[in-house]
Protein backbone atom coordinates (compact mmCIF):
# COMPACT_ATOMS: atom_id res chain seq x y z
CA MET A 1 0.00 0.00 0.00
CA PRO A 2 1.42 3.43 -0.91
CA GLU A 3 2.51 5.22 2.22
CA ARG A 4 0.46 8.30 1.37
CA LEU A 5 -2.65 6.25 2.34
CA TRP A 6 -1.46 5.57 5.90
CA TYR A 7 -3.92 7.93 7.58
CA LEU A 8 -6.99 6.26 6.04
CA LYS A 9 -5.96 2.99 7.67
CA GLN A 10 -6.32 4.71 11.07
CA SER A 11 -10.09 4.26 10.73
CA ARG A 12 -11.63 0.84 11.34
CA LEU A 13 -14.21 1.70 8.68
CA PHE A 14 -11.54 1.89 5.98
CA GLU A 15 -9.00 -0.73 7.07
CA GLN A 16 -10.61 -3.46 4.94
CA LEU A 17 -10.72 -1.40 1.74
CA SER A 18 -8.59 -2.44 -1.21
CA GLU A 19 -5.64 -0.33 -2.32
CA ALA A 20 -7.65 0.87 -5.33
CA GLU A 21 -10.58 1.92 -3.11
CA LEU A 22 -8.26 3.70 -0.71
CA GLY A 23 -6.62 5.46 -3.64
CA LEU A 24 -9.99 6.70 -4.88
CA LEU A 25 -10.85 8.09 -1.47
CA GLU A 26 -7.42 9.66 -0.98
CA SER A 27 -7.45 11.34 -4.39
CA HIS A 28 -10.28 13.60 -3.22
CA ALA A 29 -9.05 14.03 0.36
CA ARG A 30 -7.21 16.94 1.93
CA ILE A 31 -5.36 17.16 5.23
CA ARG A 32 -5.05 20.19 7.47
CA GLU A 33 -3.40 20.85 10.81
CA PHE A 34 -5.33 22.85 13.40
CA ARG A 35 -4.12 24.82 16.39
CA SER A 36 -5.75 24.34 19.78
CA ARG A 37 -9.38 25.54 19.78
CA GLU A 38 -9.26 26.36 16.07
CA ILE A 39 -12.60 25.97 14.30
CA VAL A 40 -12.94 23.02 11.89
CA TYR A 41 -16.45 24.03 10.88
CA SER A 42 -19.36 26.08 12.23
CA PRO A 43 -23.14 25.98 11.96
CA LEU A 44 -24.39 27.05 8.52
CA ASP A 45 -21.10 25.97 6.88
CA ARG A 46 -21.73 23.89 3.78
CA ALA A 47 -21.89 20.16 4.57
CA ASP A 48 -20.11 18.69 1.57
CA SER A 49 -17.47 16.54 3.28
CA VAL A 50 -16.88 14.07 6.08
CA PHE A 51 -13.90 14.42 8.41
CA LEU A 52 -11.44 11.91 9.85
CA VAL A 53 -9.27 12.69 12.87
CA VAL A 54 -5.71 11.73 11.99
CA ALA A 55 -4.03 12.98 15.19
CA GLY A 56 -5.10 14.90 18.27
CA ARG A 57 -8.74 15.33 19.21
CA VAL A 58 -11.80 17.25 17.97
CA ARG A 59 -14.76 18.42 20.02
CA LEU A 60 -18.31 18.75 18.72
CA LEU A 61 -20.00 21.70 20.44
CA SER A 62 -23.36 23.32 20.80
CA VAL A 63 -23.04 27.00 21.72
CA THR A 64 -25.91 29.05 23.15
CA ALA A 65 -26.67 32.65 22.23
CA GLU A 66 -25.01 33.61 25.53
CA GLY A 67 -21.81 31.82 24.48
CA LYS A 68 -22.15 28.87 26.86
CA GLU A 69 -20.66 25.66 25.45
CA ALA A 70 -21.96 22.12 25.73
CA VAL A 71 -19.65 19.41 24.38
CA LEU A 72 -21.65 16.85 22.40
CA ALA A 73 -18.81 14.43 21.67
CA LEU A 74 -15.06 13.96 21.71
CA ILE A 75 -13.66 12.59 18.45
CA GLU A 76 -10.43 10.63 18.66
CA PRO A 77 -7.87 9.48 16.05
CA GLY A 78 -9.42 7.07 13.56
CA GLU A 79 -12.96 8.34 14.15
CA LEU A 80 -15.20 10.20 11.72
CA PHE A 81 -17.26 13.33 12.35
CA GLY A 82 -19.48 15.55 10.24
CA GLU A 83 -20.96 12.29 8.96
CA LEU A 84 -24.48 13.72 8.68
CA ALA A 85 -23.31 15.25 5.39
CA LEU A 86 -23.99 11.75 4.00
CA VAL A 87 -27.60 11.84 5.19
CA ALA A 88 -28.71 15.19 3.83
CA SER A 89 -27.09 18.02 1.93
CA GLY A 90 -27.27 21.46 3.43
CA SER A 91 -25.50 23.13 6.34
CA ARG A 92 -23.74 22.02 9.48
CA GLU A 93 -25.73 22.11 12.72
CA GLU A 94 -22.96 22.11 15.34
CA HIS A 95 -19.50 23.55 15.93
CA ALA A 96 -16.40 21.39 15.52
CA GLU A 97 -13.11 22.61 16.98
CA SER A 98 -9.73 21.11 17.72
CA ALA A 99 -8.87 20.24 21.30
CA GLY A 100 -5.14 20.83 21.26
CA ARG A 101 -3.04 20.58 18.10
CA SER A 102 -4.83 18.23 15.73
CA THR A 103 -4.59 16.88 12.19
CA VAL A 104 -7.83 16.30 10.30
CA ALA A 105 -8.54 14.77 6.89
CA SER A 106 -11.45 16.10 4.85
CA LEU A 107 -13.07 13.39 2.72
CA SER A 108 -15.23 14.40 -0.23
CA ARG A 109 -18.88 13.46 0.27
CA ALA A 110 -19.24 12.63 -3.43
CA SER A 111 -16.24 10.26 -3.48
CA LEU A 112 -17.32 8.59 -0.23
CA GLU A 113 -20.88 8.11 -1.53
CA ASP A 114 -19.48 6.63 -4.75
CA LEU A 115 -17.37 4.20 -2.75
CA MET A 116 -20.33 3.26 -0.55
CA ASN A 117 -22.37 2.45 -3.67
CA ARG A 118 -19.60 0.09 -4.81
CA ASN A 119 -18.86 -1.47 -1.42
CA GLY A 120 -21.90 -2.66 0.54
CA ARG A 121 -19.79 -3.63 3.54
CA LEU A 122 -18.43 -0.11 3.84
CA ALA A 123 -21.91 1.38 3.43
CA LEU A 124 -23.30 -0.84 6.19
CA GLY A 125 -20.40 0.07 8.49
CA ILE A 126 -20.88 3.79 7.96
CA TRP A 127 -24.65 3.66 8.53
CA LYS A 128 -24.08 1.68 11.73
CA PHE A 129 -21.51 4.26 12.80
CA ILE A 130 -23.92 7.13 12.15
CA GLY A 131 -26.56 5.40 14.27
CA TRP A 132 -24.08 4.72 17.07
CA GLN A 133 -22.80 8.30 17.06
CA ARG A 134 -26.34 9.76 17.19
CA GLN A 135 -27.27 7.35 19.99
CA ARG A 136 -24.14 8.32 21.89
CA ILE A 137 -24.92 12.04 21.66
CA GLU A 138 -28.59 11.60 22.56
CA ARG A 139 -27.64 9.43 25.52
CA ARG A 140 -25.28 12.10 26.78
CA LEU A 141 -27.87 14.86 26.36
CA ARG A 142 -30.49 12.81 28.23
CA SER A 143 -28.04 12.38 31.08
CA LEU A 144 -28.00 16.17 31.58
CA LEU A 145 -31.70 16.36 32.40
CA PHE A 146 -32.79 16.46 36.06
CA ARG A 147 -29.46 15.20 37.39
CA THR A 148 -27.12 16.66 39.99
CA THR A 149 -23.53 17.48 39.07
CA ARG A 150 -22.36 14.37 40.96
CA GLU A 151 -24.76 12.17 38.98
CA ARG A 152 -23.64 13.75 35.70
CA VAL A 153 -19.98 13.15 36.55
CA LEU A 154 -20.69 9.50 37.40
CA PHE A 155 -22.60 8.97 34.16
CA LEU A 156 -19.92 10.70 32.08
CA LEU A 157 -17.11 8.63 33.61
CA ALA A 158 -19.03 5.42 32.95
CA ASP A 159 -19.71 6.48 29.36
CA LEU A 160 -16.11 7.51 28.69
CA LEU A 161 -14.70 4.31 30.20
CA GLU A 162 -16.79 2.26 27.75
CA HIS A 163 -15.01 3.91 24.83
CA TYR A 164 -11.68 5.09 26.21
CA GLY A 165 -11.00 2.90 29.23
CA ARG A 166 -7.74 1.05 29.84
CA ARG A 167 -8.96 -1.76 32.04
CA ASP A 168 -7.00 -3.46 34.80
CA GLY A 169 -9.18 -6.14 36.35
CA GLY A 170 -12.19 -4.41 37.87
CA ALA A 171 -10.54 -0.97 37.66
CA ALA A 172 -9.86 1.28 34.68
CA GLU A 173 -8.08 4.48 33.72
CA LEU A 174 -9.25 6.94 31.09
CA ALA A 175 -6.93 6.81 28.09
CA ILE A 176 -7.67 10.44 27.27
CA ARG A 177 -6.72 13.47 29.31
CA LEU A 178 -9.48 15.82 30.41
CA SER A 179 -9.25 18.97 32.50
CA HIS A 180 -11.97 19.80 35.02
CA GLN A 181 -13.15 22.54 32.67
CA GLU A 182 -13.47 20.09 29.77
CA ILE A 183 -15.49 17.74 31.98
CA ALA A 184 -17.68 20.68 33.01
CA ASN A 185 -18.31 21.52 29.35
CA LEU A 186 -19.23 17.90 28.67
CA ILE A 187 -21.92 17.81 31.35
CA GLY A 188 -23.13 21.42 31.35
CA ALA A 189 -21.75 22.30 34.78
CA THR A 190 -19.22 24.71 36.28
CA ARG A 191 -15.57 23.83 36.78
CA GLU A 192 -15.89 24.46 40.52
CA SER A 193 -18.80 22.03 40.92
CA VAL A 194 -16.95 19.36 38.93
CA THR A 195 -13.85 19.78 41.12
CA LEU A 196 -15.99 19.33 44.24
CA ALA A 197 -17.75 16.26 42.84
CA LEU A 198 -14.48 14.59 41.81
CA GLY A 199 -12.97 15.43 45.19
CA ASP A 200 -15.88 13.72 46.95
CA LEU A 201 -15.53 10.64 44.73
CA GLN A 202 -11.80 10.53 45.49
CA ASN A 203 -12.48 10.75 49.23
CA GLU A 204 -14.92 7.86 48.85
CA GLY A 205 -12.18 5.80 47.19
CA LEU A 206 -13.99 5.46 43.87
CA VAL A 207 -11.57 7.54 41.79
CA GLN A 208 -7.88 8.42 41.87
CA LEU A 209 -6.97 11.77 40.34
CA GLY A 210 -3.74 12.86 38.67
CA ARG A 211 -2.83 15.68 36.32
CA GLN A 212 -5.71 15.48 33.81
CA ARG A 213 -5.84 11.76 34.55
CA ILE A 214 -8.67 9.80 36.16
CA ARG A 215 -8.58 6.20 37.39
CA VAL A 216 -11.73 4.44 38.59
CA THR A 217 -11.08 1.78 41.20
CA SER A 218 -14.32 -0.16 40.56
CA ILE A 219 -16.19 -0.07 37.25
CA THR A 220 -19.03 -2.11 38.77
CA ARG A 221 -19.54 0.33 41.62
CA LEU A 222 -19.29 3.32 39.29
CA ARG A 223 -21.98 1.97 36.96
CA ASP A 224 -24.20 1.10 39.91
CA LEU A 225 -23.96 4.65 41.29
CA ALA A 226 -24.61 6.04 37.79
CA GLY A 227 -27.76 3.92 37.48
CA LEU A 228 -26.35 1.85 34.62
CA PRO A 229 -26.45 -1.94 34.20
CA PRO A 230 -23.26 -3.98 34.63
CA LEU A 231 -21.15 -4.48 31.53
CA SER A 232 -21.67 -7.72 29.65
CA PRO A 233 -18.68 -10.10 29.50
CA SER A 234 -17.91 -8.99 25.92
CA GLU A 235 -18.10 -5.31 26.86
CA ALA A 236 -15.91 -5.87 29.90
CA VAL A 237 -12.99 -7.00 27.69
CA GLU A 238 -11.06 -4.16 26.09
CA SER A 239 -10.65 -4.60 22.35
CA PRO A 240 -7.36 -3.86 20.53
CA SER A 241 -9.25 -1.42 18.30
CA LYS A 242 -10.21 0.68 21.31
CA ARG A 243 -6.63 0.70 22.53
CA ARG A 244 -5.45 1.80 19.08
CA SER A 245 -7.95 4.62 18.65
CA ALA A 246 -8.33 5.99 22.16
CA GLY A 247 -5.96 8.79 22.98
CA THR A 248 -3.35 7.76 20.46
CA VAL A 249 -1.50 10.01 18.08
CA ALA A 250 -1.28 8.74 14.56
CA VAL A 251 2.26 8.88 13.17
CA PRO A 252 2.87 8.50 9.44
CA PRO A 253 5.62 6.25 8.08
CA SER A 254 8.97 8.00 8.31
CA SER A 255 9.34 8.11 4.54
CA ALA A 256 5.78 9.25 3.82
CA PRO A 257 5.49 12.47 1.84
CA ALA A 258 4.10 15.53 3.54
CA PRO A 259 0.28 15.50 3.47
CA ARG A 260 -1.53 18.02 1.35
CA VAL A 261 -3.21 21.01 2.93
CA LEU A 262 -6.84 21.89 2.39
CA GLY A 263 -7.12 23.96 -0.75
CA GLU A 264 -3.73 22.91 -2.07
CA ALA A 265 -3.70 21.50 -5.58
CA PRO A 266 -2.75 17.81 -5.86
CA PRO A 267 0.68 17.05 -7.32
């Protein structure tokens, strides 16, 4: 496989594509690097592409008229966002911004739709992903209703550990780093109330806190306090794909050519 295609292989959705299919997708793709908190897209921007996080992290945000932010989702390396462009043409509905320095690939909607028409397995995978992503966001939004800050923190930790947990027996550590302010934005609370809630959970022995690091000493107890059912045996085993995508930084082959920048003409 040509080394210029390395970043497409970061996504589980594309790892089974043939070299020819990857080449078709890459020929209409562009890569751009973003500074911390730089906007990837905003509401009303034209939705004519789907994005893939190559390195770093992207946040999907809803911003009120007063400027208050609510984080809808955290997108990690190998994950897609802006995927609703495949469902309906028109404009974006949310904000997407980089969380720290990030590298993002923009994939043409037209080329991706063409590939989905040729490859039923890819089409099925993408539609399943869209459903999972919408369910994930709706689940998080429902958790904000009629809950105390403590309950929101418990639910968020349980949710994040499902996707980004490095498990060690019955305990687990988040594989992504989050500040108290980022957690507050995720649950619609203040930084001060999040700090108090985490401090109480640490005093109770449920969590261990480090610099932007959180370790949960008992997943079972956490899910019980959050009002969630225990994990099934299959869910309780961490998959290699989660370890690869969660919190990792994608590094291209040493001899790979420099990626193109959005708007730059192909060679």
